[in-house]
Amino acid sequence: MSKRLDVEVEVISQKGFCGQGNKAGDKWVIKGKTPEGICISAFCSMMPFLNVMRYAGKDSFPFSRNPDEVTCACPDAENPVVFRLRRIRPPGGPDAPDK
């Protein structure tokens, strides 16, 4: 089985009304389960990025300057919440899945 990395999710901006109550500064660590308090629609928007980041995909985000970070937004264009996803690499540990 491949090693999985944790991913920190942080709200970096929120405009309008968020029905879930998410606001700038909110943080969660994704360890394989949907964390409490995060909007399921926003989580679904993050999922493609989370899968790549959790399994140590590389060079997958040509629009991101840092391969360990990416931003994405919830699907509510009238009340956007923008999230930063940051891969957490274990200190001194392997950073790629087993082959």
PDB file of N, CA and C in Angstrom:
ATOM      1  N   MET A   1       0.839  -1.174   0.000  1.00  0.00           N
ATOM      2  CA  MET A   1       0.000   0.000   0.000  1.00  0.00           C
ATOM      3  C   MET A   1       0.887   1.241   0.000  1.00  0.00           C
ATOM      4  N   SER A   2       0.469   2.267  -0.710  1.00  0.00           N
ATOM      5  CA  SER A   2       1.223   3.509  -0.799  1.00  0.00           C
ATOM      6  C   SER A   2       1.148   4.297   0.499  1.00  0.00           C
ATOM      7  N   LYS A   3       2.219   5.002   0.782  1.00  0.00           N
ATOM      8  CA  LYS A   3       2.215   5.901   1.924  1.00  0.00           C
ATOM      9  C   LYS A   3       1.399   7.127   1.559  1.00  0.00           C
ATOM     10  N   ARG A   4       0.666   7.635   2.522  1.00  0.00           N
ATOM     11  CA  ARG A   4      -0.152   8.823   2.292  1.00  0.00           C
ATOM     12  C   ARG A   4       0.369   9.968   3.130  1.00  0.00           C
ATOM     13  N   LEU A   5       0.391  11.146   2.549  1.00  0.00           N
ATOM     14  CA  LEU A   5       0.786  12.346   3.273  1.00  0.00           C
ATOM     15  C   LEU A   5      -0.461  13.069   3.758  1.00  0.00           C
ATOM     16  N   ASP A   6      -0.353  13.741   4.889  1.00  0.00           N
ATOM     17  CA  ASP A   6      -1.451  14.570   5.367  1.00  0.00           C
ATOM     18  C   ASP A   6      -1.425  15.886   4.600  1.00  0.00           C
ATOM     19  N   VAL A   7      -2.579  16.529   4.526  1.00  0.00           N
ATOM     20  CA  VAL A   7      -2.690  17.818   3.848  1.00  0.00           C
ATOM     21  C   VAL A   7      -3.414  18.780   4.777  1.00  0.00           C
ATOM     22  N   GLU A   8      -2.794  19.943   4.993  1.00  0.00           N
ATOM     23  CA  GLU A   8      -3.440  20.990   5.776  1.00  0.00           C
ATOM     24  C   GLU A   8      -4.284  21.848   4.838  1.00  0.00           C
ATOM     25  N   VAL A   9      -5.506  22.108   5.236  1.00  0.00           N
ATOM     26  CA  VAL A   9      -6.423  22.955   4.478  1.00  0.00           C
ATOM     27  C   VAL A   9      -6.686  24.195   5.329  1.00  0.00           C
ATOM     28  N   GLU A  10      -6.509  25.367   4.720  1.00  0.00           N
ATOM     29  CA  GLU A  10      -6.753  26.622   5.427  1.00  0.00           C
ATOM     30  C   GLU A  10      -7.615  27.538   4.572  1.00  0.00           C
ATOM     31  N   VAL A  11      -8.603  28.169   5.192  1.00  0.00           N
ATOM     32  CA  VAL A  11      -9.397  29.177   4.500  1.00  0.00           C
ATOM     33  C   VAL A  11      -8.544  30.437   4.427  1.00  0.00           C
ATOM     34  N   ILE A  12      -8.270  30.909   3.193  1.00  0.00           N
ATOM     35  CA  ILE A  12      -7.456  32.120   3.061  1.00  0.00           C
ATOM     36  C   ILE A  12      -8.306  33.339   2.712  1.00  0.00           C
ATOM     37  N   SER A  13      -9.539  33.126   2.247  1.00  0.00           N
ATOM     38  CA  SER A  13     -10.456  34.251   2.061  1.00  0.00           C
ATOM     39  C   SER A  13     -11.882  33.739   1.994  1.00  0.00           C
ATOM     40  N   GLN A  14     -12.802  34.606   2.371  1.00  0.00           N
ATOM     41  CA  GLN A  14     -14.223  34.277   2.335  1.00  0.00           C
ATOM     42  C   GLN A  14     -14.979  35.576   2.088  1.00  0.00           C
ATOM     43  N   LYS A  15     -15.814  35.590   1.057  1.00  0.00           N
ATOM     44  CA  LYS A  15     -16.602  36.777   0.724  1.00  0.00           C
ATOM     45  C   LYS A  15     -18.077  36.410   0.735  1.00  0.00           C
ATOM     46  N   GLY A  16     -18.893  37.334   1.149  1.00  0.00           N
ATOM     47  CA  GLY A  16     -20.324  37.071   1.181  1.00  0.00           C
ATOM     48  C   GLY A  16     -20.702  36.211   2.371  1.00  0.00           C
ATOM     49  N   PHE A  17     -21.648  35.300   2.150  1.00  0.00           N
ATOM     50  CA  PHE A  17     -22.186  34.452   3.211  1.00  0.00           C
ATOM     51  C   PHE A  17     -21.786  33.007   2.978  1.00  0.00           C
ATOM     52  N   CYS A  18     -21.150  32.401   3.954  1.00  0.00           N
ATOM     53  CA  CYS A  18     -20.823  30.970   3.900  1.00  0.00           C
ATOM     54  C   CYS A  18     -21.802  30.235   4.801  1.00  0.00           C
ATOM     55  N   GLY A  19     -22.644  29.398   4.222  1.00  0.00           N
ATOM     56  CA  GLY A  19     -23.642  28.662   4.980  1.00  0.00           C
ATOM     57  C   GLY A  19     -23.045  27.736   6.023  1.00  0.00           C
ATOM     58  N   GLN A  20     -21.809  27.298   5.804  1.00  0.00           N
ATOM     59  CA  GLN A  20     -21.136  26.414   6.759  1.00  0.00           C
ATOM     60  C   GLN A  20     -20.440  27.217   7.852  1.00  0.00           C
ATOM     61  N   GLY A  21     -20.311  28.533   7.622  1.00  0.00           N
ATOM     62  CA  GLY A  21     -19.663  29.387   8.611  1.00  0.00           C
ATOM     63  C   GLY A  21     -18.156  29.406   8.521  1.00  0.00           C
ATOM     64  N   ASN A  22     -17.585  28.893   7.410  1.00  0.00           N
ATOM     65  CA  ASN A  22     -16.138  28.919   7.265  1.00  0.00           C
ATOM     66  C   ASN A  22     -15.667  30.357   7.079  1.00  0.00           C
ATOM     67  N   LYS A  23     -14.509  30.674   7.704  1.00  0.00           N
ATOM     68  CA  LYS A  23     -13.967  32.021   7.632  1.00  0.00           C
ATOM     69  C   LYS A  23     -12.449  31.949   7.535  1.00  0.00           C
ATOM     70  N   ALA A  24     -11.845  33.048   7.073  1.00  0.00           N
ATOM     71  CA  ALA A  24     -10.387  33.102   6.935  1.00  0.00           C
ATOM     72  C   ALA A  24      -9.728  32.699   8.248  1.00  0.00           C
ATOM     73  N   GLY A  25      -8.722  31.841   8.128  1.00  0.00           N
ATOM     74  CA  GLY A  25      -7.993  31.352   9.300  1.00  0.00           C
ATOM     75  C   GLY A  25      -8.420  29.973   9.772  1.00  0.00           C
ATOM     76  N   ASP A  26      -9.614  29.516   9.366  1.00  0.00           N
ATOM     77  CA  ASP A  26     -10.037  28.154   9.735  1.00  0.00           C
ATOM     78  C   ASP A  26      -9.070  27.148   9.122  1.00  0.00           C
ATOM     79  N   LYS A  27      -8.734  26.097   9.872  1.00  0.00           N
ATOM     80  CA  LYS A  27      -7.792  25.078   9.387  1.00  0.00           C
ATOM     81  C   LYS A  27      -8.267  23.683   9.764  1.00  0.00           C
ATOM     82  N   TRP A  28      -7.909  22.742   8.904  1.00  0.00           N
ATOM     83  CA  TRP A  28      -8.141  21.323   9.143  1.00  0.00           C
ATOM     84  C   TRP A  28      -6.945  20.559   8.599  1.00  0.00           C
ATOM     85  N   VAL A  29      -6.720  19.373   9.119  1.00  0.00           N
ATOM     86  CA  VAL A  29      -5.711  18.481   8.551  1.00  0.00           C
ATOM     87  C   VAL A  29      -6.450  17.267   8.010  1.00  0.00           C
ATOM     88  N   ILE A  30      -6.238  16.996   6.736  1.00  0.00           N
ATOM     89  CA  ILE A  30      -6.878  15.861   6.076  1.00  0.00           C
ATOM     90  C   ILE A  30      -5.991  14.641   6.267  1.00  0.00           C
ATOM     91  N   LYS A  31      -6.555  13.631   6.938  1.00  0.00           N
ATOM     92  CA  LYS A  31      -5.828  12.390   7.211  1.00  0.00           C
ATOM     93  C   LYS A  31      -6.592  11.192   6.685  1.00  0.00           C
ATOM     94  N   GLY A  32      -7.422  11.398   5.679  1.00  0.00           N
ATOM     95  CA  GLY A  32      -8.142  10.282   5.099  1.00  0.00           C
ATOM     96  C   GLY A  32      -9.638  10.325   5.305  1.00  0.00           C
ATOM     97  N   LYS A  33     -10.124  11.246   6.149  1.00  0.00           N
ATOM     98  CA  LYS A  33     -11.564  11.377   6.384  1.00  0.00           C
ATOM     99  C   LYS A  33     -11.949  12.832   6.228  1.00  0.00           C
ATOM    100  N   THR A  34     -13.203  13.070   5.877  1.00  0.00           N
ATOM    101  CA  THR A  34     -13.700  14.433   5.791  1.00  0.00           C
ATOM    102  C   THR A  34     -13.747  15.012   7.200  1.00  0.00           C
ATOM    103  N   PRO A  35     -13.021  16.124   7.434  1.00  0.00           N
ATOM    104  CA  PRO A  35     -13.009  16.676   8.783  1.00  0.00           C
ATOM    105  C   PRO A  35     -14.313  17.393   9.115  1.00  0.00           C
ATOM    106  N   GLU A  36     -14.676  17.366  10.388  1.00  0.00           N
ATOM    107  CA  GLU A  36     -15.882  18.039  10.845  1.00  0.00           C
ATOM    108  C   GLU A  36     -15.757  19.540  10.622  1.00  0.00           C
ATOM    109  N   GLY A  37     -16.839  20.148  10.155  1.00  0.00           N
ATOM    110  CA  GLY A  37     -16.893  21.594  10.004  1.00  0.00           C
ATOM    111  C   GLY A  37     -16.572  22.102   8.623  1.00  0.00           C
ATOM    112  N   ILE A  38     -16.116  21.225   7.739  1.00  0.00           N
ATOM    113  CA  ILE A  38     -15.813  21.667   6.386  1.00  0.00           C
ATOM    114  C   ILE A  38     -17.021  21.374   5.492  1.00  0.00           C
ATOM    115  N   CYS A  39     -17.345  22.306   4.636  1.00  0.00           N
ATOM    116  CA  CYS A  39     -18.489  22.161   3.739  1.00  0.00           C
ATOM    117  C   CYS A  39     -18.256  21.002   2.766  1.00  0.00           C
ATOM    118  N   ILE A  40     -19.222  20.140   2.614  1.00  0.00           N
ATOM    119  CA  ILE A  40     -19.059  18.970   1.739  1.00  0.00           C
ATOM    120  C   ILE A  40     -18.897  19.380   0.276  1.00  0.00           C
ATOM    121  N   SER A  41     -19.565  20.466  -0.131  1.00  0.00           N
ATOM    122  CA  SER A  41     -19.400  20.935  -1.518  1.00  0.00           C
ATOM    123  C   SER A  41     -17.984  21.445  -1.755  1.00  0.00           C
ATOM    124  N   ALA A  42     -17.451  22.179  -0.796  1.00  0.00           N
ATOM    125  CA  ALA A  42     -16.070  22.653  -0.900  1.00  0.00           C
ATOM    126  C   ALA A  42     -15.111  21.467  -0.880  1.00  0.00           C
ATOM    127  N   PHE A  43     -15.373  20.499  -0.018  1.00  0.00           N
ATOM    128  CA  PHE A  43     -14.513  19.314   0.067  1.00  0.00           C
ATOM    129  C   PHE A  43     -14.494  18.566  -1.265  1.00  0.00           C
ATOM    130  N   CYS A  44     -15.638  18.473  -1.912  1.00  0.00           N
ATOM    131  CA  CYS A  44     -15.698  17.816  -3.227  1.00  0.00           C
ATOM    132  C   CYS A  44     -14.863  18.569  -4.252  1.00  0.00           C
ATOM    133  N   SER A  45     -14.854  19.905  -4.169  1.00  0.00           N
ATOM    134  CA  SER A  45     -14.032  20.706  -5.079  1.00  0.00           C
ATOM    135  C   SER A  45     -12.544  20.476  -4.850  1.00  0.00           C
ATOM    136  N   MET A  46     -12.175  20.193  -3.610  1.00  0.00           N
ATOM    137  CA  MET A  46     -10.770  19.964  -3.253  1.00  0.00           C
ATOM    138  C   MET A  46     -10.291  18.566  -3.615  1.00  0.00           C
ATOM    139  N   MET A  47     -11.203  17.634  -3.723  1.00  0.00           N
ATOM    140  CA  MET A  47     -10.840  16.225  -3.809  1.00  0.00           C
ATOM    141  C   MET A  47      -9.806  15.886  -4.886  1.00  0.00           C
ATOM    142  N   PRO A  48      -9.928  16.396  -6.108  1.00  0.00           N
ATOM    143  CA  PRO A  48      -8.886  16.048  -7.094  1.00  0.00           C
ATOM    144  C   PRO A  48      -7.490  16.496  -6.643  1.00  0.00           C
ATOM    145  N   PHE A  49      -7.397  17.683  -6.034  1.00  0.00           N
ATOM    146  CA  PHE A  49      -6.124  18.185  -5.548  1.00  0.00           C
ATOM    147  C   PHE A  49      -5.632  17.359  -4.365  1.00  0.00           C
ATOM    148  N   LEU A  50      -6.553  17.024  -3.458  1.00  0.00           N
ATOM    149  CA  LEU A  50      -6.185  16.250  -2.271  1.00  0.00           C
ATOM    150  C   LEU A  50      -5.617  14.890  -2.644  1.00  0.00           C
ATOM    151  N   ASN A  51      -6.215  14.233  -3.617  1.00  0.00           N
ATOM    152  CA  ASN A  51      -5.715  12.915  -4.013  1.00  0.00           C
ATOM    153  C   ASN A  51      -4.284  12.999  -4.522  1.00  0.00           C
ATOM    154  N   VAL A  52      -3.990  13.990  -5.345  1.00  0.00           N
ATOM    155  CA  VAL A  52      -2.630  14.150  -5.858  1.00  0.00           C
ATOM    156  C   VAL A  52      -1.671  14.466  -4.714  1.00  0.00           C
ATOM    157  N   MET A  53      -2.074  15.381  -3.846  1.00  0.00           N
ATOM    158  CA  MET A  53      -1.185  15.795  -2.759  1.00  0.00           C
ATOM    159  C   MET A  53      -0.970  14.698  -1.720  1.00  0.00           C
ATOM    160  N   ARG A  54      -1.997  13.940  -1.416  1.00  0.00           N
ATOM    161  CA  ARG A  54      -1.864  12.885  -0.403  1.00  0.00           C
ATOM    162  C   ARG A  54      -0.970  11.753  -0.881  1.00  0.00           C
ATOM    163  N   TYR A  55      -0.956  11.506  -2.190  1.00  0.00           N
ATOM    164  CA  TYR A  55      -0.140  10.416  -2.717  1.00  0.00           C
ATOM    165  C   TYR A  55       1.152  10.919  -3.349  1.00  0.00           C
ATOM    166  N   ALA A  56       1.564  12.144  -2.945  1.00  0.00           N
ATOM    167  CA  ALA A  56       2.860  12.723  -3.318  1.00  0.00           C
ATOM    168  C   ALA A  56       3.048  12.890  -4.817  1.00  0.00           C
ATOM    169  N   GLY A  57       1.972  13.210  -5.533  1.00  0.00           N
ATOM    170  CA  GLY A  57       2.103  13.508  -6.952  1.00  0.00           C
ATOM    171  C   GLY A  57       2.999  14.722  -7.156  1.00  0.00           C
ATOM    172  N   LYS A  58       3.734  14.716  -8.230  1.00  0.00           N
ATOM    173  CA  LYS A  58       4.669  15.811  -8.500  1.00  0.00           C
ATOM    174  C   LYS A  58       4.371  16.435  -9.854  1.00  0.00           C
ATOM    175  N   ASP A  59       4.684  17.711  -9.977  1.00  0.00           N
ATOM    176  CA  ASP A  59       4.513  18.446 -11.230  1.00  0.00           C
ATOM    177  C   ASP A  59       3.098  18.354 -11.771  1.00  0.00           C
ATOM    178  N   SER A  60       2.133  18.295 -10.878  1.00  0.00           N
ATOM    179  CA  SER A  60       0.750  18.125 -11.297  1.00  0.00           C
ATOM    180  C   SER A  60      -0.034  19.428 -11.343  1.00  0.00           C
ATOM    181  N   PHE A  61       0.536  20.501 -10.809  1.00  0.00           N
ATOM    182  CA  PHE A  61      -0.169  21.777 -10.752  1.00  0.00           C
ATOM    183  C   PHE A  61       0.664  22.836 -11.471  1.00  0.00           C
ATOM    184  N   PRO A  62       0.582  22.928 -12.778  1.00  0.00           N
ATOM    185  CA  PRO A  62       1.420  23.881 -13.509  1.00  0.00           C
ATOM    186  C   PRO A  62       1.124  25.329 -13.151  1.00  0.00           C
ATOM    187  N   PHE A  63      -0.022  25.597 -12.553  1.00  0.00           N
ATOM    188  CA  PHE A  63      -0.413  26.952 -12.175  1.00  0.00           C
ATOM    189  C   PHE A  63       0.055  27.320 -10.770  1.00  0.00           C
ATOM    190  N   SER A  64       0.708  26.409 -10.067  1.00  0.00           N
ATOM    191  CA  SER A  64       1.182  26.651  -8.704  1.00  0.00           C
ATOM    192  C   SER A  64       2.700  26.737  -8.712  1.00  0.00           C
ATOM    193  N   ARG A  65       3.228  27.747  -8.057  1.00  0.00           N
ATOM    194  CA  ARG A  65       4.687  27.909  -7.985  1.00  0.00           C
ATOM    195  C   ARG A  65       5.332  26.926  -7.026  1.00  0.00           C
ATOM    196  N   ASN A  66       4.566  26.470  -6.050  1.00  0.00           N
ATOM    197  CA  ASN A  66       5.075  25.561  -5.038  1.00  0.00           C
ATOM    198  C   ASN A  66       4.376  24.205  -5.219  1.00  0.00           C
ATOM    199  N   PRO A  67       5.115  23.131  -5.480  1.00  0.00           N
ATOM    200  CA  PRO A  67       4.469  21.830  -5.694  1.00  0.00           C
ATOM    201  C   PRO A  67       3.778  21.275  -4.448  1.00  0.00           C
ATOM    202  N   ASP A  68       4.052  21.877  -3.282  1.00  0.00           N
ATOM    203  CA  ASP A  68       3.427  21.421  -2.046  1.00  0.00           C
ATOM    204  C   ASP A  68       2.237  22.269  -1.637  1.00  0.00           C
ATOM    205  N   GLU A  69       1.838  23.235  -2.475  1.00  0.00           N
ATOM    206  CA  GLU A  69       0.684  24.079  -2.165  1.00  0.00           C
ATOM    207  C   GLU A  69      -0.149  24.331  -3.415  1.00  0.00           C
ATOM    208  N   VAL A  70      -1.440  24.435  -3.197  1.00  0.00           N
ATOM    209  CA  VAL A  70      -2.355  24.789  -4.283  1.00  0.00           C
ATOM    210  C   VAL A  70      -3.568  25.474  -3.647  1.00  0.00           C
ATOM    211  N   THR A  71      -4.217  26.351  -4.387  1.00  0.00           N
ATOM    212  CA  THR A  71      -5.439  26.974  -3.889  1.00  0.00           C
ATOM    213  C   THR A  71      -6.610  26.491  -4.724  1.00  0.00           C
ATOM    214  N   CYS A  72      -7.765  26.448  -4.103  1.00  0.00           N
ATOM    215  CA  CYS A  72      -8.995  26.110  -4.802  1.00  0.00           C
ATOM    216  C   CYS A  72     -10.141  26.796  -4.069  1.00  0.00           C
ATOM    217  N   ALA A  73     -11.274  26.887  -4.740  1.00  0.00           N
ATOM    218  CA  ALA A  73     -12.419  27.593  -4.172  1.00  0.00           C
ATOM    219  C   ALA A  73     -13.626  26.678  -4.103  1.00  0.00           C
ATOM    220  N   CYS A  74     -14.537  27.030  -3.207  1.00  0.00           N
ATOM    221  CA  CYS A  74     -15.802  26.309  -3.138  1.00  0.00           C
ATOM    222  C   CYS A  74     -16.596  26.624  -4.408  1.00  0.00           C
ATOM    223  N   PRO A  75     -17.610  25.857  -4.733  1.00  0.00           N
ATOM    224  CA  PRO A  75     -18.343  26.063  -5.982  1.00  0.00           C
ATOM    225  C   PRO A  75     -19.342  27.219  -5.954  1.00  0.00           C
ATOM    226  N   ASP A  76     -19.517  27.902  -4.829  1.00  0.00           N
ATOM    227  CA  ASP A  76     -20.470  29.012  -4.734  1.00  0.00           C
ATOM    228  C   ASP A  76     -19.805  30.290  -5.221  1.00  0.00           C
ATOM    229  N   ALA A  77     -19.983  30.627  -6.487  1.00  0.00           N
ATOM    230  CA  ALA A  77     -19.320  31.787  -7.089  1.00  0.00           C
ATOM    231  C   ALA A  77     -19.811  33.115  -6.511  1.00  0.00           C
ATOM    232  N   GLU A  78     -21.006  33.135  -5.957  1.00  0.00           N
ATOM    233  CA  GLU A  78     -21.537  34.377  -5.385  1.00  0.00           C
ATOM    234  C   GLU A  78     -21.034  34.619  -3.967  1.00  0.00           C
ATOM    235  N   ASN A  79     -20.582  33.578  -3.297  1.00  0.00           N
ATOM    236  CA  ASN A  79     -20.083  33.662  -1.922  1.00  0.00           C
ATOM    237  C   ASN A  79     -18.821  32.808  -1.795  1.00  0.00           C
ATOM    238  N   PRO A  80     -17.770  33.154  -2.526  1.00  0.00           N
ATOM    239  CA  PRO A  80     -16.620  32.249  -2.589  1.00  0.00           C
ATOM    240  C   PRO A  80     -15.818  32.143  -1.298  1.00  0.00           C
ATOM    241  N   VAL A  81     -15.442  30.929  -1.018  1.00  0.00           N
ATOM    242  CA  VAL A  81     -14.482  30.626   0.045  1.00  0.00           C
ATOM    243  C   VAL A  81     -13.278  30.018  -0.668  1.00  0.00           C
ATOM    244  N   VAL A  82     -12.099  30.584  -0.431  1.00  0.00           N
ATOM    245  CA  VAL A  82     -10.885  30.107  -1.087  1.00  0.00           C
ATOM    246  C   VAL A  82     -10.023  29.405  -0.051  1.00  0.00           C
ATOM    247  N   PHE A  83      -9.532  28.241  -0.427  1.00  0.00           N
ATOM    248  CA  PHE A  83      -8.752  27.382   0.462  1.00  0.00           C
ATOM    249  C   PHE A  83      -7.332  27.211  -0.062  1.00  0.00           C
ATOM    250  N   ARG A  84      -6.362  27.158   0.857  1.00  0.00           N
ATOM    251  CA  ARG A  84      -4.993  26.772   0.518  1.00  0.00           C
ATOM    252  C   ARG A  84      -4.812  25.348   1.007  1.00  0.00           C
ATOM    253  N   LEU A  85      -4.348  24.483   0.137  1.00  0.00           N
ATOM    254  CA  LEU A  85      -4.033  23.103   0.497  1.00  0.00           C
ATOM    255  C   LEU A  85      -2.520  22.990   0.525  1.00  0.00           C
ATOM    256  N   ARG A  86      -1.989  22.520   1.638  1.00  0.00           N
ATOM    257  CA  ARG A  86      -0.542  22.404   1.810  1.00  0.00           C
ATOM    258  C   ARG A  86      -0.181  20.994   2.229  1.00  0.00           C
ATOM    259  N   ARG A  87       0.654  20.372   1.427  1.00  0.00           N
ATOM    260  CA  ARG A  87       1.121  19.017   1.724  1.00  0.00           C
ATOM    261  C   ARG A  87       2.039  19.059   2.941  1.00  0.00           C
ATOM    262  N   ILE A  88       1.830  18.144   3.876  1.00  0.00           N
ATOM    263  CA  ILE A  88       2.673  18.052   5.075  1.00  0.00           C
ATOM    264  C   ILE A  88       3.647  16.902   4.867  1.00  0.00           C
ATOM    265  N   ARG A  89       4.910  17.255   4.731  1.00  0.00           N
ATOM    266  CA  ARG A  89       5.936  16.227   4.528  1.00  0.00           C
ATOM    267  C   ARG A  89       6.543  15.868   5.883  1.00  0.00           C
ATOM    268  N   PRO A  90       6.648  14.584   6.187  1.00  0.00           N
ATOM    269  CA  PRO A  90       7.249  14.193   7.468  1.00  0.00           C
ATOM    270  C   PRO A  90       8.735  14.553   7.503  1.00  0.00           C
ATOM    271  N   PRO A  91       9.212  15.091   8.607  1.00  0.00           N
ATOM    272  CA  PRO A  91      10.631  15.441   8.686  1.00  0.00           C
ATOM    273  C   PRO A  91      11.506  14.195   8.577  1.00  0.00           C
ATOM    274  N   GLY A  92      12.433  14.241   7.646  1.00  0.00           N
ATOM    275  CA  GLY A  92      13.376  13.140   7.467  1.00  0.00           C
ATOM    276  C   GLY A  92      12.774  11.878   6.885  1.00  0.00           C
ATOM    277  N   GLY A  93      11.474  11.882   6.597  1.00  0.00           N
ATOM    278  CA  GLY A  93      10.833  10.685   6.072  1.00  0.00           C
ATOM    279  C   GLY A  93      10.702  10.722   4.567  1.00  0.00           C
ATOM    280  N   PRO A  94      10.307   9.629   3.997  1.00  0.00           N
ATOM    281  CA  PRO A  94      10.125   9.590   2.550  1.00  0.00           C
ATOM    282  C   PRO A  94       8.951  10.483   2.162  1.00  0.00           C
ATOM    283  N   ASP A  95       9.052  11.088   1.001  1.00  0.00           N
ATOM    284  CA  ASP A  95       7.994  11.992   0.572  1.00  0.00           C
ATOM    285  C   ASP A  95       7.254  11.490  -0.663  1.00  0.00           C
ATOM    286  N   ALA A  96       7.471  10.254  -1.033  1.00  0.00           N
ATOM    287  CA  ALA A  96       6.795   9.711  -2.194  1.00  0.00           C
ATOM    288  C   ALA A  96       6.182   8.360  -1.844  1.00  0.00           C
ATOM    289  N   PRO A  97       5.149   7.989  -2.565  1.00  0.00           N
ATOM    290  CA  PRO A  97       4.529   6.677  -2.307  1.00  0.00           C
ATOM    291  C   PRO A  97       5.486   5.546  -2.634  1.00  0.00           C
ATOM    292  N   ASP A  98       5.247   4.409  -2.006  1.00  0.00           N
ATOM    293  CA  ASP A  98       6.012   3.214  -2.351  1.00  0.00           C
ATOM    294  C   ASP A  98       5.681   2.822  -3.779  1.00  0.00           C
ATOM    295  N   LYS A  99       6.647   2.244  -4.469  1.00  0.00           N
ATOM    296  CA  LYS A  99       6.389   1.792  -5.844  1.00  0.00           C
ATOM    297  C   LYS A  99       6.151   0.320  -5.873  1.00  0.00           C
TER     298      LYS A  99
END
